[in-house]
Amino acid sequence: MNTSSNTSRVSKIKLGDTLPEREFTPDNVQLFLYNAVLWNAHRIHFDYPYATEVENYPGLVIAGPLLGEWLNQCVVDWLGDDGLLVSIEYSNRKASYIGETLRSGGKIIAINDGKGEVTLEIYIKNEADETIAPGTAVVRF
């Protein structure tokens, strides 16, 4: 890691700067494969009749950890090779469903020049622009 270029990058970051947004429209196959890797056999993620008729969801529910993966990717893509993701936390506040287009993004909420650290407010939003998975991340350059 080149310390001088990393210091330079932190000096260019301003409070309120935003991360590029990423869009996701997961399908049944992606959801199934993700849950298979996690050994998550909850039927709301793959059994449409069960999810809608028994659990009363409007469709197949996107797994909460998948939202966390997208938040992580959003931050790591923004960092590129000049930084390190120090910590990330998020919570799932509202369910999302197959067929919805979701987007991840964030903004700078704190800068610690001395440590070369930046704190980000991150999110996953649904098509209604509701934040369904808010979180924070700390990165170091």
N, C-alpha and C. Protein backbone atom coordinates (compact mmCIF):
# COMPACT_ATOMS: atom_id res chain seq x y z
N MET A 1 0.84 -1.17 0.00
CA MET A 1 0.00 0.00 0.00
C MET A 1 0.89 1.23 0.00
N ASN A 2 0.67 2.15 -0.90
CA ASN A 2 1.45 3.37 -1.00
C ASN A 2 0.88 4.42 -0.07
N THR A 3 1.58 4.72 1.04
CA THR A 3 1.08 5.62 2.07
C THR A 3 0.87 7.04 1.56
N SER A 4 1.79 7.55 0.74
CA SER A 4 1.63 8.92 0.26
C SER A 4 0.40 9.09 -0.62
N SER A 5 0.13 8.13 -1.50
CA SER A 5 -1.06 8.26 -2.35
C SER A 5 -2.33 8.06 -1.53
N ASN A 6 -2.27 7.22 -0.48
CA ASN A 6 -3.43 7.01 0.36
C ASN A 6 -3.75 8.27 1.16
N THR A 7 -2.72 8.94 1.68
CA THR A 7 -2.92 10.20 2.39
C THR A 7 -3.53 11.22 1.44
N SER A 8 -3.05 11.22 0.21
CA SER A 8 -3.57 12.13 -0.80
C SER A 8 -5.06 11.85 -1.06
N ARG A 9 -5.43 10.59 -1.12
CA ARG A 9 -6.85 10.25 -1.37
C ARG A 9 -7.73 10.72 -0.23
N VAL A 10 -7.29 10.52 1.01
CA VAL A 10 -8.09 10.96 2.16
C VAL A 10 -8.27 12.47 2.12
N SER A 11 -7.23 13.20 1.73
CA SER A 11 -7.32 14.66 1.70
C SER A 11 -8.33 15.15 0.64
N LYS A 12 -8.64 14.31 -0.34
CA LYS A 12 -9.60 14.68 -1.39
C LYS A 12 -11.04 14.33 -1.03
N ILE A 13 -11.22 13.53 0.03
CA ILE A 13 -12.55 13.10 0.44
C ILE A 13 -13.18 14.18 1.32
N LYS A 14 -14.44 14.45 1.07
CA LYS A 14 -15.16 15.48 1.83
C LYS A 14 -16.40 14.88 2.48
N LEU A 15 -16.79 15.44 3.61
CA LEU A 15 -18.04 15.02 4.26
C LEU A 15 -19.18 15.17 3.27
N GLY A 16 -20.04 14.18 3.22
CA GLY A 16 -21.19 14.22 2.32
C GLY A 16 -20.92 13.63 0.95
N ASP A 17 -19.63 13.39 0.60
CA ASP A 17 -19.35 12.71 -0.67
C ASP A 17 -20.10 11.39 -0.69
N THR A 18 -20.54 10.99 -1.86
CA THR A 18 -21.33 9.76 -1.98
C THR A 18 -20.54 8.67 -2.71
N LEU A 19 -20.88 7.44 -2.39
CA LEU A 19 -20.34 6.29 -3.09
C LEU A 19 -21.20 6.05 -4.33
N PRO A 20 -20.61 5.51 -5.38
CA PRO A 20 -21.43 5.17 -6.54
C PRO A 20 -22.49 4.13 -6.15
N GLU A 21 -23.70 4.34 -6.62
CA GLU A 21 -24.76 3.37 -6.33
C GLU A 21 -24.63 2.18 -7.26
N ARG A 22 -25.04 1.01 -6.75
CA ARG A 22 -25.07 -0.22 -7.53
C ARG A 22 -26.49 -0.74 -7.48
N GLU A 23 -26.98 -1.24 -8.61
CA GLU A 23 -28.34 -1.82 -8.67
C GLU A 23 -28.26 -3.33 -8.74
N PHE A 24 -29.27 -3.96 -8.12
CA PHE A 24 -29.37 -5.41 -8.10
C PHE A 24 -30.82 -5.80 -8.35
N THR A 25 -31.04 -6.73 -9.23
CA THR A 25 -32.36 -7.31 -9.44
C THR A 25 -32.17 -8.83 -9.38
N PRO A 26 -32.13 -9.36 -8.16
CA PRO A 26 -31.87 -10.80 -8.03
C PRO A 26 -33.00 -11.63 -8.60
N ASP A 27 -32.64 -12.81 -9.09
CA ASP A 27 -33.65 -13.73 -9.61
C ASP A 27 -33.68 -14.98 -8.73
N ASN A 28 -34.59 -15.88 -9.07
CA ASN A 28 -34.77 -17.11 -8.28
C ASN A 28 -33.49 -17.94 -8.21
N VAL A 29 -32.77 -18.03 -9.32
CA VAL A 29 -31.56 -18.84 -9.35
C VAL A 29 -30.50 -18.26 -8.41
N GLN A 30 -30.26 -16.96 -8.51
CA GLN A 30 -29.27 -16.32 -7.63
C GLN A 30 -29.64 -16.52 -6.17
N LEU A 31 -30.90 -16.32 -5.84
CA LEU A 31 -31.35 -16.47 -4.46
C LEU A 31 -31.17 -17.92 -4.00
N PHE A 32 -31.56 -18.87 -4.83
CA PHE A 32 -31.42 -20.27 -4.48
C PHE A 32 -29.95 -20.64 -4.24
N LEU A 33 -29.08 -20.26 -5.17
CA LEU A 33 -27.67 -20.61 -5.04
C LEU A 33 -27.03 -19.95 -3.82
N TYR A 34 -27.37 -18.70 -3.54
CA TYR A 34 -26.81 -18.03 -2.37
C TYR A 34 -27.23 -18.77 -1.09
N ASN A 35 -28.49 -19.10 -0.98
CA ASN A 35 -28.97 -19.79 0.22
C ASN A 35 -28.41 -21.21 0.31
N ALA A 36 -28.17 -21.85 -0.83
CA ALA A 36 -27.57 -23.19 -0.81
C ALA A 36 -26.16 -23.14 -0.23
N VAL A 37 -25.40 -22.13 -0.61
CA VAL A 37 -24.05 -21.98 -0.09
C VAL A 37 -24.08 -21.80 1.43
N LEU A 38 -25.07 -21.08 1.93
CA LEU A 38 -25.19 -20.84 3.38
C LEU A 38 -25.87 -22.01 4.12
N TRP A 39 -26.34 -22.98 3.38
CA TRP A 39 -27.14 -24.07 3.95
C TRP A 39 -28.38 -23.49 4.63
N ASN A 40 -28.94 -22.46 4.04
CA ASN A 40 -30.15 -21.82 4.57
C ASN A 40 -31.34 -22.43 3.84
N ALA A 41 -32.04 -23.32 4.51
CA ALA A 41 -33.14 -24.04 3.87
C ALA A 41 -34.51 -23.47 4.21
N HIS A 42 -34.55 -22.21 4.66
CA HIS A 42 -35.85 -21.62 4.97
C HIS A 42 -36.66 -21.48 3.69
N ARG A 43 -37.84 -22.03 3.71
CA ARG A 43 -38.65 -22.14 2.50
C ARG A 43 -39.09 -20.80 1.91
N ILE A 44 -39.07 -19.73 2.68
CA ILE A 44 -39.47 -18.42 2.15
C ILE A 44 -38.53 -17.94 1.05
N HIS A 45 -37.36 -18.59 0.92
CA HIS A 45 -36.38 -18.18 -0.08
C HIS A 45 -36.45 -18.99 -1.38
N PHE A 46 -37.22 -20.09 -1.39
CA PHE A 46 -37.24 -20.90 -2.61
C PHE A 46 -38.61 -21.51 -2.94
N ASP A 47 -39.53 -21.54 -2.00
CA ASP A 47 -40.82 -22.20 -2.19
C ASP A 47 -41.91 -21.12 -2.26
N TYR A 48 -42.24 -20.72 -3.49
CA TYR A 48 -43.19 -19.61 -3.69
C TYR A 48 -44.54 -19.88 -3.03
N PRO A 49 -45.17 -21.03 -3.24
CA PRO A 49 -46.47 -21.26 -2.57
C PRO A 49 -46.36 -21.16 -1.03
N TYR A 50 -45.29 -21.70 -0.48
CA TYR A 50 -45.12 -21.62 0.98
C TYR A 50 -44.94 -20.16 1.42
N ALA A 51 -44.08 -19.44 0.72
CA ALA A 51 -43.80 -18.04 1.10
C ALA A 51 -45.07 -17.19 1.02
N THR A 52 -45.88 -17.41 -0.01
CA THR A 52 -47.05 -16.54 -0.21
C THR A 52 -48.31 -17.04 0.50
N GLU A 53 -48.50 -18.35 0.56
CA GLU A 53 -49.74 -18.88 1.13
C GLU A 53 -49.64 -19.18 2.63
N VAL A 54 -48.48 -19.61 3.09
CA VAL A 54 -48.32 -19.95 4.50
C VAL A 54 -47.77 -18.77 5.29
N GLU A 55 -46.69 -18.18 4.80
CA GLU A 55 -46.05 -17.06 5.51
C GLU A 55 -46.64 -15.69 5.12
N ASN A 56 -47.47 -15.68 4.08
CA ASN A 56 -48.16 -14.46 3.63
C ASN A 56 -47.24 -13.34 3.13
N TYR A 57 -46.11 -13.71 2.55
CA TYR A 57 -45.26 -12.73 1.89
C TYR A 57 -45.78 -12.53 0.47
N PRO A 58 -45.48 -11.39 -0.14
CA PRO A 58 -45.93 -11.18 -1.52
C PRO A 58 -45.10 -11.92 -2.56
N GLY A 59 -44.02 -12.55 -2.15
CA GLY A 59 -43.16 -13.30 -3.07
C GLY A 59 -42.03 -13.95 -2.31
N LEU A 60 -41.05 -14.48 -3.06
CA LEU A 60 -39.88 -15.08 -2.43
C LEU A 60 -39.04 -13.98 -1.78
N VAL A 61 -38.62 -14.22 -0.55
CA VAL A 61 -37.91 -13.22 0.25
C VAL A 61 -36.41 -13.31 -0.03
N ILE A 62 -35.81 -12.17 -0.31
CA ILE A 62 -34.36 -12.11 -0.51
C ILE A 62 -33.69 -12.26 0.85
N ALA A 63 -32.70 -13.12 0.93
CA ALA A 63 -32.01 -13.39 2.20
C ALA A 63 -31.30 -12.15 2.72
N GLY A 64 -31.47 -11.89 3.99
CA GLY A 64 -30.83 -10.73 4.62
C GLY A 64 -29.32 -10.71 4.47
N PRO A 65 -28.62 -11.84 4.64
CA PRO A 65 -27.17 -11.80 4.47
C PRO A 65 -26.73 -11.41 3.06
N LEU A 66 -27.57 -11.66 2.06
CA LEU A 66 -27.23 -11.25 0.70
C LEU A 66 -27.18 -9.72 0.61
N LEU A 67 -28.06 -9.04 1.34
CA LEU A 67 -28.01 -7.58 1.38
C LEU A 67 -26.69 -7.11 1.98
N GLY A 68 -26.24 -7.81 3.02
CA GLY A 68 -24.95 -7.48 3.63
C GLY A 68 -23.80 -7.66 2.66
N GLU A 69 -23.88 -8.70 1.85
CA GLU A 69 -22.84 -8.92 0.82
C GLU A 69 -22.80 -7.75 -0.15
N TRP A 70 -23.97 -7.27 -0.55
CA TRP A 70 -24.02 -6.14 -1.49
C TRP A 70 -23.48 -4.86 -0.86
N LEU A 71 -23.74 -4.66 0.43
CA LEU A 71 -23.18 -3.49 1.12
C LEU A 71 -21.65 -3.58 1.15
N ASN A 72 -21.16 -4.75 1.47
CA ASN A 72 -19.71 -4.97 1.50
C ASN A 72 -19.10 -4.68 0.13
N GLN A 73 -19.71 -5.21 -0.93
CA GLN A 73 -19.20 -4.99 -2.28
C GLN A 73 -19.20 -3.52 -2.65
N CYS A 74 -20.23 -2.80 -2.25
CA CYS A 74 -20.32 -1.37 -2.55
C CYS A 74 -19.12 -0.62 -1.96
N VAL A 75 -18.80 -0.91 -0.71
CA VAL A 75 -17.69 -0.25 -0.02
C VAL A 75 -16.35 -0.67 -0.63
N VAL A 76 -16.16 -1.96 -0.81
CA VAL A 76 -14.89 -2.46 -1.33
C VAL A 76 -14.63 -1.96 -2.75
N ASP A 77 -15.67 -1.91 -3.58
CA ASP A 77 -15.50 -1.37 -4.93
C ASP A 77 -15.08 0.10 -4.90
N TRP A 78 -15.67 0.88 -4.00
CA TRP A 78 -15.31 2.29 -3.86
C TRP A 78 -13.86 2.44 -3.37
N LEU A 79 -13.45 1.59 -2.44
CA LEU A 79 -12.09 1.65 -1.91
C LEU A 79 -11.05 1.35 -2.97
N GLY A 80 -11.34 0.39 -3.81
CA GLY A 80 -10.33 -0.05 -4.77
C GLY A 80 -9.17 -0.71 -4.04
N ASP A 81 -7.98 -0.56 -4.60
CA ASP A 81 -6.80 -1.20 -4.01
C ASP A 81 -6.11 -0.32 -2.97
N ASP A 82 -6.60 0.93 -2.74
CA ASP A 82 -5.86 1.78 -1.82
C ASP A 82 -6.35 1.75 -0.39
N GLY A 83 -7.28 0.91 -0.06
CA GLY A 83 -7.79 0.94 1.30
C GLY A 83 -8.16 -0.42 1.83
N LEU A 84 -8.59 -0.40 3.09
CA LEU A 84 -8.95 -1.62 3.80
C LEU A 84 -10.29 -1.39 4.50
N LEU A 85 -11.19 -2.30 4.34
CA LEU A 85 -12.45 -2.26 5.08
C LEU A 85 -12.15 -2.71 6.50
N VAL A 86 -12.28 -1.80 7.46
CA VAL A 86 -11.95 -2.08 8.86
C VAL A 86 -13.14 -2.73 9.57
N SER A 87 -14.32 -2.18 9.36
CA SER A 87 -15.52 -2.75 9.99
C SER A 87 -16.75 -2.39 9.17
N ILE A 88 -17.75 -3.25 9.31
CA ILE A 88 -19.02 -3.00 8.65
C ILE A 88 -20.12 -3.60 9.52
N GLU A 89 -21.21 -2.88 9.64
CA GLU A 89 -22.37 -3.42 10.35
C GLU A 89 -23.63 -2.89 9.66
N TYR A 90 -24.67 -3.70 9.71
CA TYR A 90 -25.92 -3.32 9.08
C TYR A 90 -27.04 -4.08 9.77
N SER A 91 -28.26 -3.64 9.51
CA SER A 91 -29.42 -4.38 10.00
C SER A 91 -30.47 -4.42 8.90
N ASN A 92 -31.21 -5.51 8.89
CA ASN A 92 -32.31 -5.65 7.93
C ASN A 92 -33.57 -5.09 8.58
N ARG A 93 -34.16 -4.08 7.97
CA ARG A 93 -35.32 -3.41 8.54
C ARG A 93 -36.63 -3.76 7.85
N LYS A 94 -36.54 -4.17 6.59
CA LYS A 94 -37.75 -4.46 5.82
C LYS A 94 -37.41 -5.52 4.79
N ALA A 95 -38.33 -6.44 4.58
CA ALA A 95 -38.10 -7.52 3.62
C ALA A 95 -38.10 -6.98 2.19
N SER A 96 -37.40 -7.70 1.32
CA SER A 96 -37.41 -7.41 -0.11
C SER A 96 -37.65 -8.73 -0.84
N TYR A 97 -38.09 -8.62 -2.09
CA TYR A 97 -38.61 -9.79 -2.78
C TYR A 97 -38.03 -9.90 -4.19
N ILE A 98 -38.02 -11.14 -4.69
CA ILE A 98 -37.60 -11.39 -6.07
C ILE A 98 -38.46 -10.52 -6.99
N GLY A 99 -37.80 -9.90 -7.96
CA GLY A 99 -38.49 -9.01 -8.89
C GLY A 99 -38.26 -7.55 -8.58
N GLU A 100 -37.89 -7.24 -7.35
CA GLU A 100 -37.59 -5.85 -6.99
C GLU A 100 -36.17 -5.50 -7.44
N THR A 101 -35.99 -4.26 -7.84
CA THR A 101 -34.64 -3.76 -8.09
C THR A 101 -34.22 -2.98 -6.86
N LEU A 102 -33.12 -3.38 -6.28
CA LEU A 102 -32.58 -2.75 -5.08
C LEU A 102 -31.31 -2.02 -5.46
N ARG A 103 -30.91 -1.05 -4.64
CA ARG A 103 -29.65 -0.36 -4.90
C ARG A 103 -28.91 -0.12 -3.59
N SER A 104 -27.60 -0.21 -3.70
CA SER A 104 -26.74 0.06 -2.56
C SER A 104 -25.99 1.35 -2.80
N GLY A 105 -25.59 1.98 -1.72
CA GLY A 105 -24.81 3.21 -1.81
C GLY A 105 -24.41 3.67 -0.43
N GLY A 106 -23.92 4.87 -0.37
CA GLY A 106 -23.52 5.41 0.91
C GLY A 106 -22.97 6.81 0.78
N LYS A 107 -22.60 7.37 1.94
CA LYS A 107 -21.98 8.70 1.95
C LYS A 107 -21.00 8.80 3.11
N ILE A 108 -20.08 9.74 2.98
CA ILE A 108 -19.06 9.97 4.00
C ILE A 108 -19.70 10.76 5.15
N ILE A 109 -19.57 10.22 6.37
CA ILE A 109 -20.13 10.93 7.53
C ILE A 109 -19.07 11.37 8.54
N ALA A 110 -17.84 10.85 8.41
CA ALA A 110 -16.75 11.29 9.30
C ALA A 110 -15.41 10.98 8.64
N ILE A 111 -14.44 11.85 8.91
CA ILE A 111 -13.09 11.68 8.38
C ILE A 111 -12.12 11.89 9.53
N ASN A 112 -11.23 10.93 9.72
CA ASN A 112 -10.18 11.05 10.73
C ASN A 112 -8.86 11.07 9.97
N ASP A 113 -8.37 12.28 9.67
CA ASP A 113 -7.14 12.43 8.89
C ASP A 113 -5.95 11.78 9.58
N GLY A 114 -5.89 11.89 10.91
CA GLY A 114 -4.76 11.35 11.65
C GLY A 114 -4.61 9.85 11.49
N LYS A 115 -5.72 9.14 11.48
CA LYS A 115 -5.69 7.68 11.32
C LYS A 115 -5.85 7.27 9.86
N GLY A 116 -6.20 8.21 9.00
CA GLY A 116 -6.48 7.87 7.61
C GLY A 116 -7.75 7.06 7.47
N GLU A 117 -8.69 7.29 8.40
CA GLU A 117 -9.95 6.53 8.40
C GLU A 117 -11.13 7.39 7.97
N VAL A 118 -12.06 6.73 7.34
CA VAL A 118 -13.30 7.38 6.88
C VAL A 118 -14.46 6.50 7.34
N THR A 119 -15.49 7.16 7.88
CA THR A 119 -16.70 6.45 8.28
C THR A 119 -17.79 6.73 7.25
N LEU A 120 -18.46 5.66 6.85
CA LEU A 120 -19.49 5.74 5.82
C LEU A 120 -20.84 5.34 6.39
N GLU A 121 -21.86 6.04 5.98
CA GLU A 121 -23.23 5.59 6.20
C GLU A 121 -23.61 4.86 4.92
N ILE A 122 -24.02 3.60 5.05
CA ILE A 122 -24.32 2.79 3.87
C ILE A 122 -25.76 2.33 3.90
N TYR A 123 -26.27 1.92 2.75
CA TYR A 123 -27.68 1.52 2.69
C TYR A 123 -27.97 0.61 1.53
N ILE A 124 -29.06 -0.12 1.68
CA ILE A 124 -29.75 -0.78 0.57
C ILE A 124 -31.14 -0.13 0.55
N LYS A 125 -31.55 0.34 -0.62
CA LYS A 125 -32.88 0.94 -0.79
C LYS A 125 -33.69 0.13 -1.79
N ASN A 126 -35.00 0.14 -1.58
CA ASN A 126 -35.89 -0.56 -2.51
C ASN A 126 -36.40 0.42 -3.57
N GLU A 127 -37.30 -0.06 -4.43
CA GLU A 127 -37.82 0.76 -5.53
C GLU A 127 -38.63 1.97 -5.03
N ALA A 128 -39.16 1.89 -3.81
CA ALA A 128 -39.92 3.00 -3.23
C ALA A 128 -38.98 3.99 -2.53
N ASP A 129 -37.67 3.81 -2.69
CA ASP A 129 -36.64 4.65 -2.08
C ASP A 129 -36.62 4.54 -0.55
N GLU A 130 -37.13 3.42 -0.03
CA GLU A 130 -37.09 3.16 1.41
C GLU A 130 -35.77 2.46 1.73
N THR A 131 -35.13 2.88 2.80
CA THR A 131 -33.92 2.21 3.25
C THR A 131 -34.34 0.94 3.97
N ILE A 132 -33.99 -0.20 3.38
CA ILE A 132 -34.39 -1.48 3.97
C ILE A 132 -33.26 -2.13 4.75
N ALA A 133 -32.03 -1.68 4.51
CA ALA A 133 -30.88 -2.20 5.25
C ALA A 133 -29.87 -1.06 5.45
N PRO A 134 -29.99 -0.32 6.57
CA PRO A 134 -29.02 0.73 6.86
C PRO A 134 -27.80 0.15 7.56
N GLY A 135 -26.69 0.86 7.46
CA GLY A 135 -25.50 0.41 8.16
C GLY A 135 -24.41 1.46 8.16
N THR A 136 -23.28 1.07 8.73
CA THR A 136 -22.09 1.93 8.73
C THR A 136 -20.87 1.07 8.41
N ALA A 137 -19.88 1.72 7.89
CA ALA A 137 -18.62 1.04 7.61
C ALA A 137 -17.49 2.02 7.93
N VAL A 138 -16.36 1.47 8.35
CA VAL A 138 -15.15 2.25 8.58
C VAL A 138 -14.08 1.68 7.65
N VAL A 139 -13.42 2.57 6.94
CA VAL A 139 -12.35 2.18 6.04
C VAL A 139 -11.07 2.93 6.41
N ARG A 140 -9.95 2.32 6.06
CA ARG A 140 -8.66 2.96 6.33
C ARG A 140 -7.85 3.00 5.05
N PHE A 141 -7.27 4.14 4.79
CA PHE A 141 -6.41 4.32 3.60
C PHE A 141 -4.96 4.29 4.00
